[in-house]
Amino acid sequence: MKQHVLPAAIAAAFCGLLGGCANGGPDINGFVQKANSAVESAIGSVTGGSGAGATAASGPVYTPISGGSSLSGLFAGQNQQRANYGQIPYPRVALDYLTYGANLPCWKIRATIWSSPKRSHDEVFQICDAPIVVKDAVGQAGTLNTQAIVDKLDQTRAPLNVVNTGEQRTRGPLPPLRAMSVPLASTGPMFQANPLQVRLDAINARIAYIAGYVPLGDSSLMSVVSSAFYDYRIWIWKFEEGGQQS
């Protein structure tokens, strides 16, 4: 499992939130619940990258190319607890990375979307590693904390009551055991993150948010220590041979 270290600033902010709640501050959980319903119409994008030294993205976060755009909001509004326990088996999504690279800010991806065990269709789209600007229930704008989404995706496992393909990755409809966790080999000095892994995490976090797979309440500061929503229904299928670009 990849290790992600929370910056000291986030830890300090979290302590501040706890202090505010202890002193009779606002109900954070209630606030986040209201924000979930408001954020759907407030997604935007600005120019930027996933980290220091990253190539800046020049396009919108999500751009449909062919096959439709049903991926956008596909999981939005579903009962998270029921999905987590395998009680909402569909839709399911297998991701095929067509063009990708550590220095490539926009990736082209094919999603095979399963609506039932025997019905599926493909959608090709572009995802750009640009910050996502959201508005909360009171209209305040901010940048989505995609690191919280990355941490959740990395820990996703298929529930015991869901048939899966184990370590084998397929087009579907059965998911693998570890849906979005594909650790890449280290290519640099010890303890230095693989740049391709960093970009992959950033791209996947944006796919998850665009699809409504991880809502605002599960991408907030509080979500890092909250009971997470681990949904197995979207997974990495494969990386196309010859698709890696420098």
Protein backbone atom coordinates (compact mmCIF):
# COMPACT_ATOMS: atom_id res chain seq x y z
CA MET A 1 0.00 0.00 0.00
CA LYS A 2 1.31 3.45 -0.81
CA GLN A 3 2.08 5.66 2.16
CA HIS A 4 0.73 9.23 2.19
CA VAL A 5 1.95 11.68 4.86
CA LEU A 6 -0.40 14.50 5.88
CA PRO A 7 1.24 17.91 5.81
CA ALA A 8 1.67 19.61 9.15
CA ALA A 9 -0.65 22.38 8.02
CA ILE A 10 -3.49 19.92 7.52
CA ALA A 11 -2.88 18.36 10.91
CA ALA A 12 -2.93 21.79 12.51
CA ALA A 13 -6.12 22.74 10.73
CA PHE A 14 -7.75 19.51 11.85
CA CYS A 15 -6.82 20.24 15.45
CA GLY A 16 -8.38 23.65 15.01
CA LEU A 17 -11.59 22.09 13.78
CA LEU A 18 -11.71 19.75 16.75
CA GLY A 19 -11.14 22.66 19.07
CA GLY A 20 -13.95 24.61 17.43
CA CYS A 21 -16.35 21.71 17.83
CA ALA A 22 -15.36 21.22 21.45
CA ASN A 23 -16.17 24.86 22.12
CA GLY A 24 -19.66 24.56 20.74
CA GLY A 25 -18.77 25.24 17.11
CA PRO A 26 -20.77 24.14 14.08
CA ASP A 27 -21.77 20.56 13.37
CA ILE A 28 -19.15 19.66 10.74
CA ASN A 29 -20.85 16.43 9.72
CA GLY A 30 -24.18 18.17 9.20
CA PHE A 31 -22.49 20.90 7.22
CA VAL A 32 -20.76 18.39 4.96
CA GLN A 33 -24.03 16.53 4.35
CA LYS A 34 -25.64 19.73 3.08
CA ALA A 35 -22.58 20.53 0.99
CA ASN A 36 -22.77 17.18 -0.80
CA SER A 37 -26.04 18.13 -2.48
CA ALA A 38 -24.82 21.59 -3.40
CA VAL A 39 -21.49 20.67 -4.96
CA GLU A 40 -22.85 18.87 -8.03
CA SER A 41 -23.53 22.11 -9.89
CA ALA A 42 -20.40 23.89 -8.73
CA ILE A 43 -17.55 21.91 -10.30
CA GLY A 44 -15.08 24.02 -12.25
CA SER A 45 -11.41 23.94 -13.13
CA VAL A 46 -8.44 26.26 -13.12
CA THR A 47 -4.95 25.93 -14.53
CA GLY A 48 -2.49 23.96 -12.41
CA GLY A 49 -0.81 20.64 -11.75
CA SER A 50 -0.65 17.86 -9.19
CA GLY A 51 2.50 19.06 -7.46
CA ALA A 52 5.79 20.88 -7.63
CA GLY A 53 7.46 20.49 -10.99
CA ALA A 54 4.35 19.06 -12.62
CA THR A 55 3.42 20.14 -16.12
CA ALA A 56 0.42 22.48 -16.01
CA ALA A 57 -2.89 21.27 -17.40
CA SER A 58 -4.34 23.46 -20.13
CA GLY A 59 -7.79 21.92 -20.54
CA PRO A 60 -10.90 21.38 -18.41
CA VAL A 61 -10.81 18.56 -15.87
CA TYR A 62 -13.22 16.33 -17.83
CA THR A 63 -13.86 16.31 -21.58
CA PRO A 64 -16.00 13.57 -23.21
CA ILE A 65 -14.59 12.41 -26.57
CA SER A 66 -16.80 9.56 -27.79
CA GLY A 67 -19.47 7.13 -26.62
CA GLY A 68 -21.36 9.57 -24.41
CA SER A 69 -20.82 11.31 -21.09
CA SER A 70 -22.73 9.16 -18.62
CA LEU A 71 -19.58 8.77 -16.51
CA SER A 72 -20.18 12.28 -15.18
CA GLY A 73 -22.25 11.87 -12.02
CA LEU A 74 -22.67 8.13 -12.62
CA PHE A 75 -22.48 7.25 -8.91
CA ALA A 76 -23.93 10.50 -7.53
CA GLY A 77 -26.82 10.27 -5.08
CA GLN A 78 -26.44 6.56 -4.36
CA ASN A 79 -26.63 5.14 -0.85
CA GLN A 80 -22.98 4.88 0.10
CA GLN A 81 -23.43 2.39 2.92
CA ARG A 82 -25.41 -0.03 0.77
CA ALA A 83 -22.86 0.21 -2.03
CA ASN A 84 -20.05 -0.35 0.44
CA TYR A 85 -21.66 -3.60 1.59
CA GLY A 86 -22.17 -4.84 -1.96
CA GLN A 87 -25.93 -4.22 -2.00
CA ILE A 88 -25.83 -1.94 -5.08
CA PRO A 89 -23.80 -4.02 -7.56
CA TYR A 90 -24.14 -1.75 -10.60
CA PRO A 91 -23.05 0.41 -12.34
CA ARG A 92 -19.44 -0.74 -12.56
CA VAL A 93 -16.58 0.88 -14.46
CA ALA A 94 -13.32 -0.59 -15.82
CA LEU A 95 -10.67 1.97 -16.79
CA ASP A 96 -8.33 1.50 -19.77
CA TYR A 97 -5.60 4.17 -19.99
CA LEU A 98 -5.02 4.96 -23.68
CA THR A 99 -2.44 7.76 -23.37
CA TYR A 100 -0.60 8.51 -20.15
CA GLY A 101 2.68 9.76 -18.73
CA ALA A 102 4.28 11.40 -15.71
CA ASN A 103 4.74 14.66 -17.64
CA LEU A 104 1.44 14.42 -19.48
CA PRO A 105 -1.13 16.63 -17.71
CA CYS A 106 -4.10 15.33 -19.70
CA TRP A 107 -4.71 11.59 -20.15
CA LYS A 108 -7.04 9.86 -22.58
CA ILE A 109 -9.01 7.02 -20.99
CA ARG A 110 -11.63 4.50 -22.07
CA ALA A 111 -14.25 3.56 -19.50
CA THR A 112 -16.23 0.35 -19.94
CA ILE A 113 -19.45 1.05 -18.04
CA TRP A 114 -21.47 -1.97 -16.93
CA SER A 115 -25.17 -1.42 -16.18
CA SER A 116 -25.77 -5.15 -15.57
CA PRO A 117 -23.75 -8.39 -15.79
CA LYS A 118 -24.41 -8.58 -19.54
CA ARG A 119 -24.81 -4.94 -20.61
CA SER A 120 -21.96 -2.52 -21.12
CA HIS A 121 -20.81 0.34 -23.33
CA ASP A 122 -17.54 2.24 -23.79
CA GLU A 123 -16.91 5.95 -23.30
CA VAL A 124 -13.65 7.67 -24.21
CA PHE A 125 -12.78 10.88 -22.41
CA GLN A 126 -9.92 13.14 -21.38
CA ILE A 127 -9.03 13.91 -17.77
CA CYS A 128 -6.68 16.81 -17.01
CA ASP A 129 -4.70 17.16 -13.80
CA ALA A 130 -6.07 20.59 -12.92
CA PRO A 131 -7.37 21.73 -9.52
CA ILE A 132 -11.10 21.32 -8.99
CA VAL A 133 -12.88 24.36 -7.60
CA VAL A 134 -16.00 23.60 -5.55
CA LYS A 135 -18.55 25.61 -3.60
CA ASP A 136 -19.97 24.51 -0.28
CA ALA A 137 -23.51 24.90 1.07
CA VAL A 138 -22.94 28.55 2.01
CA GLY A 139 -21.36 29.50 -1.31
CA GLN A 140 -17.73 29.54 -0.23
CA ALA A 141 -15.34 28.49 -3.02
CA GLY A 142 -12.30 26.33 -2.42
CA THR A 143 -10.03 23.76 -4.05
CA LEU A 144 -10.92 20.11 -3.59
CA ASN A 145 -8.52 18.12 -1.41
CA THR A 146 -7.75 15.35 -3.89
CA GLN A 147 -5.19 13.77 -1.55
CA ALA A 148 -8.05 12.57 0.66
CA ILE A 149 -9.60 10.90 -2.40
CA VAL A 150 -6.25 9.30 -3.31
CA ASP A 151 -5.98 7.83 0.20
CA LYS A 152 -9.45 6.33 -0.06
CA LEU A 153 -8.92 4.86 -3.51
CA ASP A 154 -5.66 3.29 -2.39
CA GLN A 155 -7.43 1.41 0.41
CA THR A 156 -10.40 0.17 -1.59
CA ARG A 157 -11.05 -3.57 -1.42
CA ALA A 158 -13.91 -5.67 -2.78
CA PRO A 159 -16.25 -6.74 0.06
CA LEU A 160 -16.26 -10.39 1.13
CA ASN A 161 -19.76 -10.89 -0.29
CA VAL A 162 -18.77 -9.68 -3.79
CA VAL A 163 -17.27 -12.13 -6.29
CA ASN A 164 -13.98 -10.72 -7.61
CA THR A 165 -11.08 -11.75 -9.84
CA GLY A 166 -8.41 -11.44 -7.15
CA GLU A 167 -5.17 -9.97 -8.48
CA GLN A 168 -6.23 -10.42 -12.12
CA ARG A 169 -7.61 -7.32 -13.84
CA THR A 170 -10.24 -7.65 -16.55
CA ARG A 171 -12.70 -5.56 -18.56
CA GLY A 172 -15.44 -6.84 -16.26
CA PRO A 173 -18.03 -7.25 -15.10
CA LEU A 174 -16.22 -8.73 -12.07
CA PRO A 175 -13.90 -6.33 -10.20
CA PRO A 176 -10.40 -7.18 -8.94
CA LEU A 177 -9.73 -7.42 -5.22
CA ARG A 178 -7.86 -4.11 -5.06
CA ALA A 179 -9.79 -1.83 -7.35
CA MET A 180 -7.61 1.26 -7.71
CA SER A 181 -4.34 0.22 -6.08
CA VAL A 182 -1.64 -0.52 -8.66
CA PRO A 183 1.69 0.39 -7.03
CA LEU A 184 4.32 1.29 -9.62
CA ALA A 185 8.01 0.47 -9.23
CA SER A 186 10.26 3.16 -7.78
CA THR A 187 12.39 4.73 -10.50
CA GLY A 188 14.35 7.25 -8.44
CA PRO A 189 16.19 7.58 -5.12
CA MET A 190 14.88 5.77 -2.04
CA PHE A 191 11.71 7.29 -0.56
CA GLN A 192 11.15 9.44 -3.65
CA ALA A 193 7.70 9.00 -5.15
CA ASN A 194 7.45 7.65 -8.68
CA PRO A 195 6.34 10.66 -10.80
CA LEU A 196 4.06 8.42 -12.86
CA GLN A 197 2.42 7.13 -9.65
CA VAL A 198 1.84 10.70 -8.48
CA ARG A 199 0.20 11.63 -11.78
CA LEU A 200 -1.87 8.42 -11.87
CA ASP A 201 -3.19 9.16 -8.38
CA ALA A 202 -4.07 12.71 -9.40
CA ILE A 203 -5.87 11.56 -12.55
CA ASN A 204 -7.81 8.84 -10.71
CA ALA A 205 -8.87 11.26 -7.98
CA ARG A 206 -10.41 13.49 -10.63
CA ILE A 207 -12.18 10.57 -12.30
CA ALA A 208 -13.60 9.55 -8.92
CA TYR A 209 -14.90 13.02 -8.20
CA ILE A 210 -16.35 13.67 -11.66
CA ALA A 211 -18.21 10.33 -11.47
CA GLY A 212 -19.63 11.15 -8.03
CA TYR A 213 -17.74 8.09 -6.78
CA VAL A 214 -16.25 10.08 -3.91
CA PRO A 215 -18.54 12.98 -2.89
CA LEU A 216 -17.47 16.21 -1.21
CA GLY A 217 -18.05 14.81 2.29
CA ASP A 218 -15.52 12.06 1.64
CA SER A 219 -12.91 14.40 0.18
CA SER A 220 -12.84 16.89 3.03
CA LEU A 221 -10.29 17.36 5.78
CA MET A 222 -12.52 15.43 8.18
CA SER A 223 -12.62 12.43 5.83
CA VAL A 224 -8.98 11.58 6.51
CA VAL A 225 -9.94 10.28 9.95
CA SER A 226 -13.61 9.47 9.32
CA SER A 227 -15.16 6.14 8.42
CA ALA A 228 -14.42 6.03 4.71
CA PHE A 229 -16.64 5.07 1.79
CA TYR A 230 -14.70 2.33 0.02
CA ASP A 231 -16.57 1.38 -3.14
CA TYR A 232 -15.21 -1.41 -5.36
CA ARG A 233 -17.27 -0.58 -8.47
CA ILE A 234 -14.65 1.38 -10.41
CA TRP A 235 -11.25 -0.14 -11.09
CA ILE A 236 -8.04 0.03 -13.09
CA TRP A 237 -8.20 -2.47 -15.95
CA LYS A 238 -5.04 -1.86 -17.99
CA PHE A 239 -2.56 0.57 -19.50
CA GLU A 240 -2.39 0.36 -23.29
CA GLU A 241 0.95 -0.82 -24.61
CA GLY A 242 2.62 2.08 -26.39
CA GLY A 243 0.36 4.60 -24.67
CA GLN A 244 2.98 6.04 -22.36
CA GLN A 245 4.23 9.44 -23.46
CA SER A 246 7.09 11.52 -22.14
